[in-house]
Amino acid sequence: FGRQKGHTELYRGAEYVVDFIPKIKIEMIISDDLLLDTV
C-alpha cells in the first residue's frame, strides 16, 4: 500500500479491512538506450 492505504470490504455480512492491495511487480534489465522509452 501507499497513499491508497487499504479499504474496507463486506463478506457474508461482516466488514473487514484489507490493509495490503494486490499489485504486480515487473522487473527487467535493459540497456541504457531503451530506458526512456521503457519508462
ModelCIF file with pLDDT and N, C-alpha, C, O atoms, coordinates in Angstrom:
data_MODEL
#
_entry.id   MODEL 
#
_entity.id                         1 
_entity.type                       polymer 
_entity.pdbx_number_of_molecules   1 
#
_entity_poly.entity_id                      1 
_entity_poly.type                           'polypeptide(L)' 
_entity_poly.nstd_linkage                   no 
_entity_poly.nstd_monomer                   no 
_entity_poly.pdbx_seq_one_letter_code       FGRQKGHTELYRGAEYVVDFIPKIKIEMIISDDLLLDTV 
_entity_poly.pdbx_seq_one_letter_code_can   FGRQKGHTELYRGAEYVVDFIPKIKIEMIISDDLLLDTV 
_entity_poly.pdbx_strand_id                 A 
#
loop_
_entity_poly_seq.entity_id 
_entity_poly_seq.num 
_entity_poly_seq.mon_id 
_entity_poly_seq.hetero 
1 1  PHE n 
1 2  GLY n 
1 3  ARG n 
1 4  GLN n 
1 5  LYS n 
1 6  GLY n 
1 7  HIS n 
1 8  THR n 
1 9  GLU n 
1 10 LEU n 
1 11 TYR n 
1 12 ARG n 
1 13 GLY n 
1 14 ALA n 
1 15 GLU n 
1 16 TYR n 
1 17 VAL n 
1 18 VAL n 
1 19 ASP n 
1 20 PHE n 
1 21 ILE n 
1 22 PRO n 
1 23 LYS n 
1 24 ILE n 
1 25 LYS n 
1 26 ILE n 
1 27 GLU n 
1 28 MET n 
1 29 ILE n 
1 30 ILE n 
1 31 SER n 
1 32 ASP n 
1 33 ASP n 
1 34 LEU n 
1 35 LEU n 
1 36 LEU n 
1 37 ASP n 
1 38 THR n 
1 39 VAL n 
#
_struct_asym.id          A 
_struct_asym.entity_id   1 
#
loop_
_ma_qa_metric.id 
_ma_qa_metric.mode 
_ma_qa_metric.name 
_ma_qa_metric.software_group_id 
_ma_qa_metric.type 
1 global pLDDT . pLDDT 
2 local  pLDDT . pLDDT 
#
_ma_qa_metric_global.metric_id      1 
_ma_qa_metric_global.metric_value   83.44 
_ma_qa_metric_global.model_id       1 
_ma_qa_metric_global.ordinal_id     1 
#
loop_
_ma_qa_metric_local.label_asym_id 
_ma_qa_metric_local.label_comp_id 
_ma_qa_metric_local.label_seq_id 
_ma_qa_metric_local.metric_id 
_ma_qa_metric_local.metric_value 
_ma_qa_metric_local.model_id 
_ma_qa_metric_local.ordinal_id 
A PHE 1  2 79.00 1 1  
A GLY 2  2 78.00 1 2  
A ARG 3  2 74.00 1 3  
A GLN 4  2 65.00 1 4  
A LYS 5  2 65.00 1 5  
A GLY 6  2 64.00 1 6  
A HIS 7  2 64.00 1 7  
A THR 8  2 68.00 1 8  
A GLU 9  2 66.00 1 9  
A LEU 10 2 69.00 1 10 
A TYR 11 2 72.00 1 11 
A ARG 12 2 76.00 1 12 
A GLY 13 2 77.00 1 13 
A ALA 14 2 77.00 1 14 
A GLU 15 2 73.00 1 15 
A TYR 16 2 69.00 1 16 
A VAL 17 2 73.00 1 17 
A VAL 18 2 71.00 1 18 
A ASP 19 2 76.00 1 19 
A PHE 20 2 81.00 1 20 
A ILE 21 2 86.00 1 21 
A PRO 22 2 90.00 1 22 
A LYS 23 2 94.00 1 23 
A ILE 24 2 98.00 1 24 
A LYS 25 2 98.00 1 25 
A ILE 26 2 98.00 1 26 
A GLU 27 2 98.00 1 27 
A MET 28 2 97.00 1 28 
A ILE 29 2 96.00 1 29 
A ILE 30 2 95.00 1 30 
A SER 31 2 94.00 1 31 
A ASP 32 2 95.00 1 32 
A ASP 33 2 95.00 1 33 
A LEU 34 2 95.00 1 34 
A LEU 35 2 97.00 1 35 
A LEU 36 2 98.00 1 36 
A ASP 37 2 97.00 1 37 
A THR 38 2 98.00 1 38 
A VAL 39 2 98.00 1 39 
#
loop_
_atom_site.group_PDB 
_atom_site.id 
_atom_site.type_symbol 
_atom_site.label_atom_id 
_atom_site.label_alt_id 
_atom_site.label_comp_id 
_atom_site.label_asym_id 
_atom_site.label_entity_id 
_atom_site.label_seq_id 
_atom_site.pdbx_PDB_ins_code 
_atom_site.Cartn_x 
_atom_site.Cartn_y 
_atom_site.Cartn_z 
_atom_site.occupancy 
_atom_site.B_iso_or_equiv 
_atom_site.pdbx_formal_charge 
_atom_site.auth_seq_id 
_atom_site.auth_comp_id 
_atom_site.auth_asym_id 
_atom_site.auth_atom_id 
_atom_site.pdbx_PDB_model_num 
ATOM 1   N N  . PHE A 1 1  ? 0.843   -1.181  0.000   1.00 79.00 ? 1  PHE A N  1 
ATOM 2   C CA . PHE A 1 1  ? 0.000   0.000   0.000   1.00 79.00 ? 1  PHE A CA 1 
ATOM 3   C C  . PHE A 1 1  ? 0.881   1.233   0.000   1.00 79.00 ? 1  PHE A C  1 
ATOM 4   O O  . PHE A 1 1  ? 2.024   1.206   0.455   1.00 79.00 ? 1  PHE A O  1 
ATOM 5   N N  . GLY A 1 2  ? 0.334   2.291   -0.510  1.00 78.00 ? 2  GLY A N  1 
ATOM 6   C CA . GLY A 1 2  ? 0.970   3.597   -0.487  1.00 78.00 ? 2  GLY A CA 1 
ATOM 7   C C  . GLY A 1 2  ? -0.080  4.570   -0.014  1.00 78.00 ? 2  GLY A C  1 
ATOM 8   O O  . GLY A 1 2  ? -0.685  4.384   1.042   1.00 78.00 ? 2  GLY A O  1 
ATOM 9   N N  . ARG A 1 3  ? -0.294  5.611   -0.801  1.00 74.00 ? 3  ARG A N  1 
ATOM 10  C CA . ARG A 1 3  ? -1.338  6.577   -0.457  1.00 74.00 ? 3  ARG A CA 1 
ATOM 11  C C  . ARG A 1 3  ? -2.714  5.944   -0.486  1.00 74.00 ? 3  ARG A C  1 
ATOM 12  O O  . ARG A 1 3  ? -3.633  6.390   0.201   1.00 74.00 ? 3  ARG A O  1 
ATOM 13  N N  . GLN A 1 4  ? -2.848  4.894   -1.294  1.00 65.00 ? 4  GLN A N  1 
ATOM 14  C CA . GLN A 1 4  ? -4.135  4.226   -1.449  1.00 65.00 ? 4  GLN A CA 1 
ATOM 15  C C  . GLN A 1 4  ? -4.585  3.611   -0.126  1.00 65.00 ? 4  GLN A C  1 
ATOM 16  O O  . GLN A 1 4  ? -5.773  3.368   0.087   1.00 65.00 ? 4  GLN A O  1 
ATOM 17  N N  . LYS A 1 5  ? -3.631  3.366   0.747   1.00 65.00 ? 5  LYS A N  1 
ATOM 18  C CA . LYS A 1 5  ? -3.866  2.711   2.033   1.00 65.00 ? 5  LYS A CA 1 
ATOM 19  C C  . LYS A 1 5  ? -4.587  1.386   1.790   1.00 65.00 ? 5  LYS A C  1 
ATOM 20  O O  . LYS A 1 5  ? -4.284  0.693   0.819   1.00 65.00 ? 5  LYS A O  1 
ATOM 21  N N  . GLY A 1 6  ? -5.492  1.041   2.616   1.00 64.00 ? 6  GLY A N  1 
ATOM 22  C CA . GLY A 1 6  ? -6.283  -0.164  2.415   1.00 64.00 ? 6  GLY A CA 1 
ATOM 23  C C  . GLY A 1 6  ? -7.717  0.230   2.147   1.00 64.00 ? 6  GLY A C  1 
ATOM 24  O O  . GLY A 1 6  ? -8.007  1.396   1.879   1.00 64.00 ? 6  GLY A O  1 
ATOM 25  N N  . HIS A 1 7  ? -8.597  -0.716  2.216   1.00 64.00 ? 7  HIS A N  1 
ATOM 26  C CA . HIS A 1 7  ? -10.012 -0.417  2.072   1.00 64.00 ? 7  HIS A CA 1 
ATOM 27  C C  . HIS A 1 7  ? -10.825 -1.436  2.864   1.00 64.00 ? 7  HIS A C  1 
ATOM 28  O O  . HIS A 1 7  ? -10.309 -2.478  3.269   1.00 64.00 ? 7  HIS A O  1 
ATOM 29  N N  . THR A 1 8  ? -12.077 -1.129  3.074   1.00 68.00 ? 8  THR A N  1 
ATOM 30  C CA . THR A 1 8  ? -12.969 -1.998  3.830   1.00 68.00 ? 8  THR A CA 1 
ATOM 31  C C  . THR A 1 8  ? -13.845 -2.778  2.862   1.00 68.00 ? 8  THR A C  1 
ATOM 32  O O  . THR A 1 8  ? -14.373 -2.209  1.906   1.00 68.00 ? 8  THR A O  1 
ATOM 33  N N  . GLU A 1 9  ? -14.003 -4.067  3.099   1.00 66.00 ? 9  GLU A N  1 
ATOM 34  C CA . GLU A 1 9  ? -14.864 -4.910  2.279   1.00 66.00 ? 9  GLU A CA 1 
ATOM 35  C C  . GLU A 1 9  ? -15.891 -5.594  3.169   1.00 66.00 ? 9  GLU A C  1 
ATOM 36  O O  . GLU A 1 9  ? -15.702 -5.730  4.378   1.00 66.00 ? 9  GLU A O  1 
ATOM 37  N N  . LEU A 1 10 ? -16.966 -6.015  2.551   1.00 69.00 ? 10 LEU A N  1 
ATOM 38  C CA . LEU A 1 10 ? -18.027 -6.715  3.255   1.00 69.00 ? 10 LEU A CA 1 
ATOM 39  C C  . LEU A 1 10 ? -18.051 -8.158  2.763   1.00 69.00 ? 10 LEU A C  1 
ATOM 40  O O  . LEU A 1 10 ? -18.138 -8.397  1.559   1.00 69.00 ? 10 LEU A O  1 
ATOM 41  N N  . TYR A 1 11 ? -17.976 -9.113  3.669   1.00 72.00 ? 11 TYR A N  1 
ATOM 42  C CA . TYR A 1 11 ? -18.006 -10.525 3.312   1.00 72.00 ? 11 TYR A CA 1 
ATOM 43  C C  . TYR A 1 11 ? -18.951 -11.245 4.256   1.00 72.00 ? 11 TYR A C  1 
ATOM 44  O O  . TYR A 1 11 ? -18.730 -11.284 5.466   1.00 72.00 ? 11 TYR A O  1 
ATOM 45  N N  . ARG A 1 12 ? -20.011 -11.816 3.689   1.00 76.00 ? 12 ARG A N  1 
ATOM 46  C CA . ARG A 1 12 ? -21.027 -12.533 4.471   1.00 76.00 ? 12 ARG A CA 1 
ATOM 47  C C  . ARG A 1 12 ? -21.537 -11.697 5.648   1.00 76.00 ? 12 ARG A C  1 
ATOM 48  O O  . ARG A 1 12 ? -21.708 -12.194 6.761   1.00 76.00 ? 12 ARG A O  1 
ATOM 49  N N  . GLY A 1 13 ? -21.770 -10.439 5.371   1.00 77.00 ? 13 GLY A N  1 
ATOM 50  C CA . GLY A 1 13 ? -22.328 -9.563  6.386   1.00 77.00 ? 13 GLY A CA 1 
ATOM 51  C C  . GLY A 1 13 ? -21.324 -8.992  7.366   1.00 77.00 ? 13 GLY A C  1 
ATOM 52  O O  . GLY A 1 13 ? -21.677 -8.140  8.182   1.00 77.00 ? 13 GLY A O  1 
ATOM 53  N N  . ALA A 1 14 ? -20.081 -9.442  7.304   1.00 77.00 ? 14 ALA A N  1 
ATOM 54  C CA . ALA A 1 14 ? -19.055 -8.934  8.216   1.00 77.00 ? 14 ALA A CA 1 
ATOM 55  C C  . ALA A 1 14 ? -18.127 -7.989  7.456   1.00 77.00 ? 14 ALA A C  1 
ATOM 56  O O  . ALA A 1 14 ? -17.718 -8.263  6.328   1.00 77.00 ? 14 ALA A O  1 
ATOM 57  N N  . GLU A 1 15 ? -17.813 -6.896  8.090   1.00 73.00 ? 15 GLU A N  1 
ATOM 58  C CA . GLU A 1 15 ? -16.912 -5.921  7.492   1.00 73.00 ? 15 GLU A CA 1 
ATOM 59  C C  . GLU A 1 15 ? -15.487 -6.230  7.931   1.00 73.00 ? 15 GLU A C  1 
ATOM 60  O O  . GLU A 1 15 ? -15.246 -6.529  9.100   1.00 73.00 ? 15 GLU A O  1 
ATOM 61  N N  . TYR A 1 16 ? -14.540 -6.159  6.993   1.00 69.00 ? 16 TYR A N  1 
ATOM 62  C CA . TYR A 1 16 ? -13.146 -6.348  7.368   1.00 69.00 ? 16 TYR A CA 1 
ATOM 63  C C  . TYR A 1 16 ? -12.268 -5.427  6.532   1.00 69.00 ? 16 TYR A C  1 
ATOM 64  O O  . TYR A 1 16 ? -12.644 -5.003  5.440   1.00 69.00 ? 16 TYR A O  1 
ATOM 65  N N  . VAL A 1 17 ? -11.094 -5.127  7.069   1.00 73.00 ? 17 VAL A N  1 
ATOM 66  C CA . VAL A 1 17 ? -10.172 -4.190  6.443   1.00 73.00 ? 17 VAL A CA 1 
ATOM 67  C C  . VAL A 1 17 ? -9.131  -4.958  5.639   1.00 73.00 ? 17 VAL A C  1 
ATOM 68  O O  . VAL A 1 17 ? -8.523  -5.907  6.134   1.00 73.00 ? 17 VAL A O  1 
ATOM 69  N N  . VAL A 1 18 ? -8.935  -4.540  4.402   1.00 71.00 ? 18 VAL A N  1 
ATOM 70  C CA . VAL A 1 18 ? -7.874  -5.088  3.556   1.00 71.00 ? 18 VAL A CA 1 
ATOM 71  C C  . VAL A 1 18 ? -6.734  -4.077  3.606   1.00 71.00 ? 18 VAL A C  1 
ATOM 72  O O  . VAL A 1 18 ? -6.811  -3.012  2.993   1.00 71.00 ? 18 VAL A O  1 
ATOM 73  N N  . ASP A 1 19 ? -5.674  -4.420  4.341   1.00 76.00 ? 19 ASP A N  1 
ATOM 74  C CA . ASP A 1 19 ? -4.555  -3.489  4.520   1.00 76.00 ? 19 ASP A CA 1 
ATOM 75  C C  . ASP A 1 19 ? -3.614  -3.462  3.327   1.00 76.00 ? 19 ASP A C  1 
ATOM 76  O O  . ASP A 1 19 ? -3.053  -2.414  3.007   1.00 76.00 ? 19 ASP A O  1 
ATOM 77  N N  . PHE A 1 20 ? -3.432  -4.589  2.669   1.00 81.00 ? 20 PHE A N  1 
ATOM 78  C CA . PHE A 1 20 ? -2.490  -4.682  1.566   1.00 81.00 ? 20 PHE A CA 1 
ATOM 79  C C  . PHE A 1 20 ? -3.246  -4.944  0.266   1.00 81.00 ? 20 PHE A C  1 
ATOM 80  O O  . PHE A 1 20 ? -4.059  -5.864  0.178   1.00 81.00 ? 20 PHE A O  1 
ATOM 81  N N  . ILE A 1 21 ? -2.966  -4.128  -0.727  1.00 86.00 ? 21 ILE A N  1 
ATOM 82  C CA . ILE A 1 21 ? -3.642  -4.196  -2.012  1.00 86.00 ? 21 ILE A CA 1 
ATOM 83  C C  . ILE A 1 21 ? -2.823  -5.080  -2.959  1.00 86.00 ? 21 ILE A C  1 
ATOM 84  O O  . ILE A 1 21 ? -1.606  -4.913  -3.031  1.00 86.00 ? 21 ILE A O  1 
ATOM 85  N N  . PRO A 1 22 ? -3.452  -6.022  -3.695  1.00 90.00 ? 22 PRO A N  1 
ATOM 86  C CA . PRO A 1 22 ? -2.715  -6.841  -4.652  1.00 90.00 ? 22 PRO A CA 1 
ATOM 87  C C  . PRO A 1 22 ? -2.175  -5.980  -5.802  1.00 90.00 ? 22 PRO A C  1 
ATOM 88  O O  . PRO A 1 22 ? -2.891  -5.149  -6.361  1.00 90.00 ? 22 PRO A O  1 
ATOM 89  N N  . LYS A 1 23 ? -0.921  -6.194  -6.136  1.00 94.00 ? 23 LYS A N  1 
ATOM 90  C CA . LYS A 1 23 ? -0.259  -5.488  -7.236  1.00 94.00 ? 23 LYS A CA 1 
ATOM 91  C C  . LYS A 1 23 ? 0.603   -6.484  -8.004  1.00 94.00 ? 23 LYS A C  1 
ATOM 92  O O  . LYS A 1 23 ? 0.782   -7.628  -7.588  1.00 94.00 ? 23 LYS A O  1 
ATOM 93  N N  . ILE A 1 24 ? 1.129   -6.024  -9.126  1.00 98.00 ? 24 ILE A N  1 
ATOM 94  C CA . ILE A 1 24 ? 2.078   -6.800  -9.925  1.00 98.00 ? 24 ILE A CA 1 
ATOM 95  C C  . ILE A 1 24 ? 3.394   -6.039  -9.950  1.00 98.00 ? 24 ILE A C  1 
ATOM 96  O O  . ILE A 1 24 ? 3.412   -4.826  -10.163 1.00 98.00 ? 24 ILE A O  1 
ATOM 97  N N  . LYS A 1 25 ? 4.492   -6.748  -9.732  1.00 98.00 ? 25 LYS A N  1 
ATOM 98  C CA . LYS A 1 25 ? 5.819   -6.143  -9.824  1.00 98.00 ? 25 LYS A CA 1 
ATOM 99  C C  . LYS A 1 25 ? 6.503   -6.696  -11.068 1.00 98.00 ? 25 LYS A C  1 
ATOM 100 O O  . LYS A 1 25 ? 6.654   -7.907  -11.225 1.00 98.00 ? 25 LYS A O  1 
ATOM 101 N N  . ILE A 1 26 ? 6.908   -5.794  -11.940 1.00 98.00 ? 26 ILE A N  1 
ATOM 102 C CA . ILE A 1 26 ? 7.628   -6.150  -13.162 1.00 98.00 ? 26 ILE A CA 1 
ATOM 103 C C  . ILE A 1 26 ? 9.083   -5.750  -12.957 1.00 98.00 ? 26 ILE A C  1 
ATOM 104 O O  . ILE A 1 26 ? 9.368   -4.624  -12.550 1.00 98.00 ? 26 ILE A O  1 
ATOM 105 N N  . GLU A 1 27 ? 10.003  -6.667  -13.237 1.00 98.00 ? 27 GLU A N  1 
ATOM 106 C CA . GLU A 1 27 ? 11.430  -6.370  -13.139 1.00 98.00 ? 27 GLU A CA 1 
ATOM 107 C C  . GLU A 1 27 ? 12.092  -6.727  -14.458 1.00 98.00 ? 27 GLU A C  1 
ATOM 108 O O  . GLU A 1 27 ? 11.818  -7.776  -15.040 1.00 98.00 ? 27 GLU A O  1 
ATOM 109 N N  . MET A 1 28 ? 12.969  -5.841  -14.925 1.00 97.00 ? 28 MET A N  1 
ATOM 110 C CA . MET A 1 28 ? 13.709  -6.127  -16.157 1.00 97.00 ? 28 MET A CA 1 
ATOM 111 C C  . MET A 1 28 ? 15.036  -5.390  -16.151 1.00 97.00 ? 28 MET A C  1 
ATOM 112 O O  . MET A 1 28 ? 15.162  -4.321  -15.554 1.00 97.00 ? 28 MET A O  1 
ATOM 113 N N  . ILE A 1 29 ? 16.008  -5.960  -16.810 1.00 96.00 ? 29 ILE A N  1 
ATOM 114 C CA . ILE A 1 29 ? 17.301  -5.313  -17.012 1.00 96.00 ? 29 ILE A CA 1 
ATOM 115 C C  . ILE A 1 29 ? 17.353  -4.909  -18.479 1.00 96.00 ? 29 ILE A C  1 
ATOM 116 O O  . ILE A 1 29 ? 17.141  -5.731  -19.370 1.00 96.00 ? 29 ILE A O  1 
ATOM 117 N N  . ILE A 1 30 ? 17.635  -3.632  -18.717 1.00 95.00 ? 30 ILE A N  1 
ATOM 118 C CA . ILE A 1 30 ? 17.619  -3.124  -20.085 1.00 95.00 ? 30 ILE A CA 1 
ATOM 119 C C  . ILE A 1 30 ? 18.878  -2.308  -20.351 1.00 95.00 ? 30 ILE A C  1 
ATOM 120 O O  . ILE A 1 30 ? 19.565  -1.878  -19.424 1.00 95.00 ? 30 ILE A O  1 
ATOM 121 N N  . SER A 1 31 ? 19.165  -2.103  -21.623 1.00 94.00 ? 31 SER A N  1 
ATOM 122 C CA . SER A 1 31 ? 20.295  -1.249  -21.993 1.00 94.00 ? 31 SER A CA 1 
ATOM 123 C C  . SER A 1 31 ? 19.902  0.209   -21.778 1.00 94.00 ? 31 SER A C  1 
ATOM 124 O O  . SER A 1 31 ? 18.723  0.562   -21.814 1.00 94.00 ? 31 SER A O  1 
ATOM 125 N N  . ASP A 1 32 ? 20.894  1.032   -21.557 1.00 95.00 ? 32 ASP A N  1 
ATOM 126 C CA . ASP A 1 32 ? 20.651  2.450   -21.259 1.00 95.00 ? 32 ASP A CA 1 
ATOM 127 C C  . ASP A 1 32 ? 19.844  3.143   -22.347 1.00 95.00 ? 32 ASP A C  1 
ATOM 128 O O  . ASP A 1 32 ? 19.029  4.017   -22.055 1.00 95.00 ? 32 ASP A O  1 
ATOM 129 N N  . ASP A 1 33 ? 20.068  2.756   -23.608 1.00 95.00 ? 33 ASP A N  1 
ATOM 130 C CA . ASP A 1 33 ? 19.380  3.449   -24.708 1.00 95.00 ? 33 ASP A CA 1 
ATOM 131 C C  . ASP A 1 33 ? 17.878  3.154   -24.763 1.00 95.00 ? 33 ASP A C  1 
ATOM 132 O O  . ASP A 1 33 ? 17.138  3.879   -25.428 1.00 95.00 ? 33 ASP A O  1 
ATOM 133 N N  . LEU A 1 34 ? 17.418  2.108   -24.079 1.00 95.00 ? 34 LEU A N  1 
ATOM 134 C CA . LEU A 1 34 ? 15.989  1.794   -24.042 1.00 95.00 ? 34 LEU A CA 1 
ATOM 135 C C  . LEU A 1 34 ? 15.274  2.388   -22.823 1.00 95.00 ? 34 LEU A C  1 
ATOM 136 O O  . LEU A 1 34 ? 14.053  2.279   -22.711 1.00 95.00 ? 34 LEU A O  1 
ATOM 137 N N  . LEU A 1 35 ? 16.021  3.013   -21.916 1.00 97.00 ? 35 LEU A N  1 
ATOM 138 C CA . LEU A 1 35 ? 15.453  3.429   -20.635 1.00 97.00 ? 35 LEU A CA 1 
ATOM 139 C C  . LEU A 1 35 ? 14.286  4.403   -20.780 1.00 97.00 ? 35 LEU A C  1 
ATOM 140 O O  . LEU A 1 35 ? 13.208  4.148   -20.244 1.00 97.00 ? 35 LEU A O  1 
ATOM 141 N N  . LEU A 1 36 ? 14.473  5.490   -21.478 1.00 98.00 ? 36 LEU A N  1 
ATOM 142 C CA . LEU A 1 36 ? 13.417  6.499   -21.565 1.00 98.00 ? 36 LEU A CA 1 
ATOM 143 C C  . LEU A 1 36 ? 12.152  5.947   -22.212 1.00 98.00 ? 36 LEU A C  1 
ATOM 144 O O  . LEU A 1 36 ? 11.046  6.204   -21.736 1.00 98.00 ? 36 LEU A O  1 
ATOM 145 N N  . ASP A 1 37 ? 12.309  5.188   -23.298 1.00 97.00 ? 37 ASP A N  1 
ATOM 146 C CA . ASP A 1 37 ? 11.140  4.595   -23.962 1.00 97.00 ? 37 ASP A CA 1 
ATOM 147 C C  . ASP A 1 37 ? 10.444  3.575   -23.066 1.00 97.00 ? 37 ASP A C  1 
ATOM 148 O O  . ASP A 1 37 ? 9.216   3.478   -23.061 1.00 97.00 ? 37 ASP A O  1 
ATOM 149 N N  . THR A 1 38 ? 11.230  2.817   -22.311 1.00 98.00 ? 38 THR A N  1 
ATOM 150 C CA . THR A 1 38 ? 10.660  1.810   -21.418 1.00 98.00 ? 38 THR A CA 1 
ATOM 151 C C  . THR A 1 38 ? 9.832   2.457   -20.316 1.00 98.00 ? 38 THR A C  1 
ATOM 152 O O  . THR A 1 38 ? 8.698   2.047   -20.068 1.00 98.00 ? 38 THR A O  1 
ATOM 153 N N  . VAL A 1 39 ? 10.386  3.454   -19.661 1.00 98.00 ? 39 VAL A N  1 
ATOM 154 C CA . VAL A 1 39 ? 9.671   4.133   -18.575 1.00 98.00 ? 39 VAL A CA 1 
ATOM 155 C C  . VAL A 1 39 ? 8.413   4.812   -19.114 1.00 98.00 ? 39 VAL A C  1 
ATOM 156 O O  . VAL A 1 39 ? 7.675   5.437   -18.353 1.00 98.00 ? 39 VAL A O  1 
#
